[in-house]
Protein backbone atom coordinates (compact mmCIF):
# COMPACT_ATOMS: atom_id res chain seq x y z
CA MET A 1 92.16 74.10 116.06
CA SER A 2 88.84 75.87 115.44
CA THR A 3 85.64 75.69 117.49
CA SER A 4 82.06 76.83 116.96
CA ILE A 5 79.05 77.06 119.29
CA SER A 6 75.48 77.92 118.27
CA PHE A 7 72.97 78.97 120.94
CA SER A 8 69.18 78.87 120.60
CA SER A 9 68.95 82.38 122.07
CA GLU A 10 70.96 85.05 123.83
CA ASP A 11 69.10 84.23 127.06
CA ALA A 12 70.28 80.62 126.77
CA ARG A 13 73.87 81.77 126.30
CA ARG A 14 73.65 83.99 129.41
CA ASP A 15 72.11 81.23 131.55
CA LEU A 16 74.81 78.77 130.52
CA ALA A 17 77.51 81.33 131.25
CA ALA A 18 76.05 81.86 134.73
CA ALA A 19 76.30 78.09 135.25
CA GLY A 20 79.97 78.10 134.22
CA LEU A 21 79.45 76.80 130.68
CA VAL A 22 81.17 79.45 128.59
CA ARG A 23 83.99 78.02 126.50
CA TYR A 24 83.68 75.07 124.13
CA GLU A 25 85.96 73.09 126.44
CA ASP A 26 83.49 73.57 129.31
CA PHE A 27 80.92 71.47 127.48
CA VAL A 28 83.04 68.61 126.11
CA THR A 29 84.93 68.10 129.40
CA CYS A 30 81.87 68.43 131.67
CA THR A 31 81.85 65.82 134.45
CA THR A 32 78.86 66.98 136.48
CA GLY A 33 75.56 65.15 136.53
CA GLU A 34 74.94 61.49 135.81
CA VAL A 35 76.01 59.47 132.77
CA VAL A 36 72.81 57.96 131.36
CA ALA A 37 74.02 56.51 128.04
CA ARG A 38 77.21 55.53 126.23
CA SER A 39 77.84 54.37 122.69
CA GLY A 40 80.90 53.81 120.56
CA ASP A 41 81.67 57.50 120.13
CA SER A 42 79.28 59.36 122.46
CA GLU A 43 78.42 59.86 126.11
CA THR A 44 75.22 61.46 127.40
CA ARG A 45 74.88 63.13 130.80
CA ARG A 46 71.78 64.26 132.65
CA LEU A 47 72.56 67.41 134.59
CA THR A 48 70.85 70.37 136.22
CA ILE A 49 71.90 73.80 134.98
CA LYS A 50 71.36 76.70 137.36
CA GLY A 51 71.26 79.83 135.24
CA ALA A 52 70.94 83.49 136.12
CA GLN A 53 67.13 83.43 136.01
CA SER A 54 66.11 79.79 136.19
CA GLU A 55 67.09 76.17 136.74
CA CYS A 56 66.52 73.40 134.24
CA GLU A 57 67.29 69.73 133.78
CA CYS A 58 69.21 69.00 130.57
CA PHE A 59 70.90 66.29 128.55
CA LEU A 60 74.43 66.89 127.29
CA LYS A 61 75.63 64.51 124.57
CA VAL A 62 79.32 64.67 123.65
CA TYR A 63 80.74 62.97 120.54
CA LYS A 64 84.46 62.23 120.53
CA PHE A 65 85.97 60.94 117.31
CA ALA A 66 89.05 58.73 117.67
CA ALA A 67 91.79 59.23 115.08
CA ARG A 68 90.60 56.31 112.96
CA SER A 69 86.97 57.47 112.97
CA ARG A 70 87.38 61.24 112.65
CA ARG A 71 85.26 62.88 109.99
CA TRP A 72 86.34 65.41 107.42
CA ALA A 73 85.68 68.93 108.67
CA VAL A 74 83.65 69.68 105.52
CA GLN A 75 81.11 67.07 106.66
CA ASP A 76 78.37 67.89 109.14
CA ASP A 77 79.31 66.49 112.55
CA LYS A 78 76.77 64.33 114.38
CA ALA A 79 75.76 67.03 116.85
CA SER A 80 75.09 69.55 114.07
CA THR A 81 73.16 66.94 112.12
CA GLU A 82 71.04 66.14 115.16
CA ALA A 83 70.39 69.83 115.82
CA ALA A 84 69.36 70.40 112.19
CA ASN A 85 67.12 67.33 112.29
CA TYR A 86 65.37 68.58 115.41
CA ARG A 87 64.65 71.84 113.61
CA HIS A 88 63.28 69.96 110.57
CA LEU A 89 61.05 67.79 112.74
CA GLU A 90 59.77 70.78 114.68
CA LYS A 91 58.73 72.44 111.40
CA LEU A 92 56.84 69.25 110.48
CA GLY A 93 54.93 69.39 113.76
CA VAL A 94 56.77 66.39 115.24
CA GLY A 95 57.62 66.68 118.94
CA VAL A 96 61.33 66.99 119.82
CA PRO A 97 63.28 68.17 122.88
CA ASP A 98 64.07 71.89 123.12
CA LEU A 99 67.50 72.57 121.64
CA ILE A 100 69.67 74.82 123.82
CA CYS A 101 72.99 74.80 121.99
CA HIS A 102 75.44 72.67 120.02
CA GLY A 103 79.05 72.96 118.90
CA SER A 104 81.96 71.27 117.16
CA ARG A 105 85.75 71.39 117.08
CA GLY A 106 88.20 70.41 114.37
CA GLY A 107 91.67 70.90 113.00
CA LEU A 108 93.83 69.79 110.08
CA PHE A 109 90.66 69.21 108.03
CA LEU A 110 89.31 66.68 110.55
CA LEU A 111 86.57 66.93 113.17
CA ARG A 112 87.77 66.14 116.67
CA ASP A 113 84.59 66.27 118.79
CA SER A 114 81.16 67.90 119.09
CA PHE A 115 78.29 68.27 121.55
CA ILE A 116 74.58 68.98 121.74
CA LEU A 117 72.64 70.23 124.78
CA THR A 118 68.87 69.79 125.00
CA ARG A 119 66.27 70.51 127.66
CA ALA A 120 64.87 67.43 129.43
CA VAL A 121 61.24 66.67 128.58
CA PRO A 122 59.11 66.71 131.78
CA ASN A 123 57.75 63.35 132.97
CA ALA A 124 59.19 61.54 129.96
CA VAL A 125 60.52 58.00 129.54
CA ALA A 126 61.49 55.99 126.48
CA LEU A 127 58.60 54.18 124.82
CA ASP A 128 60.06 50.71 125.50
CA THR A 129 60.53 51.53 129.20
CA PHE A 130 57.03 52.99 129.47
CA VAL A 131 55.48 49.95 127.81
CA ASP A 132 57.44 47.37 129.81
CA GLY A 133 56.42 49.06 133.05
CA ARG A 134 52.75 49.16 132.19
CA TRP A 135 51.70 46.63 129.55
CA PRO A 136 51.82 42.87 129.73
CA ARG A 137 53.49 41.07 126.87
CA ALA A 138 51.55 40.85 123.64
CA GLU A 139 50.54 37.23 124.14
CA CYS A 140 48.63 38.14 127.30
CA GLY A 141 46.10 40.02 125.19
CA VAL A 142 45.32 42.71 127.76
CA ALA A 143 44.85 46.28 126.52
CA ASP A 144 43.77 49.60 127.99
CA SER A 145 42.98 53.08 126.70
CA VAL A 146 46.57 54.26 127.20
CA ARG A 147 47.84 51.41 125.06
CA SER A 148 45.47 52.41 122.25
CA THR A 149 46.42 56.07 122.61
CA ILE A 150 50.15 55.28 122.45
CA LEU A 151 49.78 53.12 119.36
CA ASP A 152 47.64 55.70 117.58
CA ALA A 153 50.01 58.54 118.53
CA SER A 154 53.09 56.64 117.35
CA CYS A 155 51.41 55.88 114.02
CA ALA A 156 50.42 59.52 113.49
CA LEU A 157 53.94 60.69 114.40
CA VAL A 158 55.70 58.34 111.96
CA ARG A 159 53.24 59.12 109.18
CA ARG A 160 53.66 62.89 109.65
CA MET A 161 57.43 62.51 109.65
CA HIS A 162 57.51 60.39 106.49
CA ASP A 163 54.94 62.56 104.69
CA GLY A 164 57.37 65.42 105.30
CA GLN A 165 60.14 63.35 103.62
CA PHE A 166 62.07 62.99 106.89
CA PHE A 167 63.47 59.59 107.90
CA HIS A 168 65.09 58.85 111.25
CA VAL A 169 66.94 55.65 110.18
CA ASP A 170 67.29 54.42 113.80
CA LEU A 171 63.67 54.67 114.91
CA GLN A 172 63.72 52.13 117.73
CA TRP A 173 61.24 52.46 120.59
CA ARG A 174 64.00 53.76 122.85
CA ASN A 175 64.26 56.79 120.54
CA LEU A 176 60.62 57.71 121.08
CA LEU A 177 59.77 59.49 124.35
CA VAL A 178 56.41 59.27 126.09
CA SER A 179 55.55 62.37 128.10
CA GLN A 180 52.41 62.10 130.24
CA SER A 181 51.03 65.23 131.92
CA THR A 182 49.27 65.29 135.28
CA ASP A 183 45.87 65.27 133.57
CA GLY A 184 46.78 62.06 131.73
CA ALA A 185 47.42 63.63 128.30
CA ILE A 186 50.12 61.79 126.36
CA ARG A 187 52.66 63.27 123.97
CA LEU A 188 55.26 61.42 121.88
CA LEU A 189 58.60 62.95 120.90
CA VAL A 190 61.52 61.86 118.72
CA ILE A 191 65.09 61.87 120.09
CA ASP A 192 68.61 60.77 119.08
CA SER A 193 68.38 61.68 115.40
CA SER A 194 72.02 62.02 114.36
CA ARG A 195 71.87 59.64 111.39
CA GLY A 196 68.70 60.44 109.50
CA GLY A 197 67.41 63.51 107.71
CA MET A 198 65.45 64.78 104.74
CA ARG A 199 65.39 62.48 101.71
CA GLU A 200 63.97 63.91 98.51
CA THR A 201 64.55 61.20 95.88
CA GLY A 202 62.20 58.23 95.52
CA VAL A 203 64.79 55.49 96.08
CA ARG A 204 66.24 57.15 99.17
CA ARG A 205 62.77 57.78 100.59
CA GLN A 206 61.83 54.14 100.07
CA HIS A 207 65.03 52.99 101.79
CA GLY A 208 64.46 55.40 104.71
CA ARG A 209 60.89 54.22 105.16
CA LEU A 210 61.92 50.56 105.27
CA ARG A 211 64.72 51.33 107.74
CA ASP A 212 62.33 53.17 110.06
CA LEU A 213 59.57 50.56 109.88
CA ALA A 214 62.04 47.71 110.41
CA SER A 215 63.52 49.52 113.44
CA LEU A 216 60.04 49.95 114.95
CA ALA A 217 59.27 46.28 114.30
CA LYS A 218 62.23 45.23 116.45
CA ASP A 219 60.40 46.19 119.64
CA ALA A 220 56.84 45.79 118.35
CA ARG A 221 57.32 42.05 117.74
CA THR A 222 57.41 41.21 121.45
CA ARG A 223 55.09 43.93 122.70
CA MET A 224 52.22 43.99 120.19
CA LYS A 225 49.90 41.31 118.87
CA ARG A 226 50.13 40.71 115.14
CA ARG A 227 46.64 42.06 114.51
CA GLU A 228 47.64 45.24 116.36
CA MET A 229 50.71 45.57 114.15
CA LEU A 230 48.62 45.12 111.00
CA ARG A 231 46.09 47.70 112.23
CA TRP A 232 48.96 50.10 112.94
CA PHE A 233 50.36 49.51 109.45
CA ARG A 234 47.00 50.10 107.76
CA ALA A 235 46.56 53.35 109.69
CA TYR A 236 50.11 54.40 108.75
CA LEU A 237 49.34 53.78 105.06
CA GLY A 238 45.88 55.33 105.34
CA VAL A 239 44.10 52.29 103.84
CA ARG A 240 41.35 49.96 105.05
CA ARG A 241 42.67 46.90 103.22
CA LEU A 242 46.22 45.84 102.42
CA THR A 243 47.13 45.31 98.77
CA THR A 244 49.63 42.81 97.37
CA GLU A 245 52.22 45.60 97.28
CA HIS A 246 51.63 46.37 100.94
CA ARG A 247 52.01 42.70 101.90
CA LEU A 248 55.27 42.51 99.96
CA MET A 249 56.48 45.51 101.98
CA ILE A 250 55.59 43.70 105.22
CA GLN A 251 57.51 40.62 104.05
CA THR A 252 60.55 42.77 103.22
CA ILE A 253 60.43 44.38 106.67
CA GLU A 254 60.09 40.99 108.39
CA ARG A 255 62.99 39.48 106.41
CA ASP A 256 65.17 42.48 107.24
CA ARG A 257 64.21 42.16 110.91
CA ASP A 258 64.95 38.41 110.92
CA LEU A 259 68.40 38.98 109.44
CA LYS A 260 69.27 41.71 111.95
CA ASP A 261 67.89 39.83 114.98
CA ASN A 262 69.68 36.60 114.05
CA SER A 263 72.90 38.50 113.42
CA SER A 264 72.74 40.21 116.84
CA ARG A 265 72.25 36.86 118.58
CA SER A 266 75.15 35.12 116.83
């Protein structure tokens, strides 16, 4: 059985050691803090790490691969993929959480588990939670300056990401964080990017774009008016008027969304 851990800095390694997180096993068996999310193969905890020099709130996501779903050790594990994607996004100027460390463990050519530890973003909530707590539903027709700022910021973020040939693949509103400072300034960040990545060929880029836009449409349908969605799409494309090709893209996204939404309800 082999293990590997990569730290963002030597200071981070020392702080984690002071908090009792030294060996690989310390991370994947951690039971402190609060479980905030679970999926088929992962569990995420929110915990406070008291290091030698400072104290910080963090998120620890642990992936555990059952025997039938273990990945070949030559493949990138999900935690490593997510860490690499955060680095790519950061280079593109897209906001992401600070990466502290990540690691993986495998044996007999198969990956067993992995983890990623990131610093919590101050005053941040998922975009869907932020919107539901502040905005009325789209049909109410009420808007404010924060609503406009959020929509513009989300459009700029997605466009910057796609212009850099990066595609998230699971870009639902819950995977966008809204961080609002005390002076009211708003910042959007991308999280939970273990499935996407850089796509350099035309066909793969087109597929990634449709996946991302369809994922965003899932939540936008009930929270944005149609004219807002069309304005967002025009800004994303950088055009004043939609062409026939653009409208065909919208129809493709809507059909994909209909199929997925109907499938989830059945």
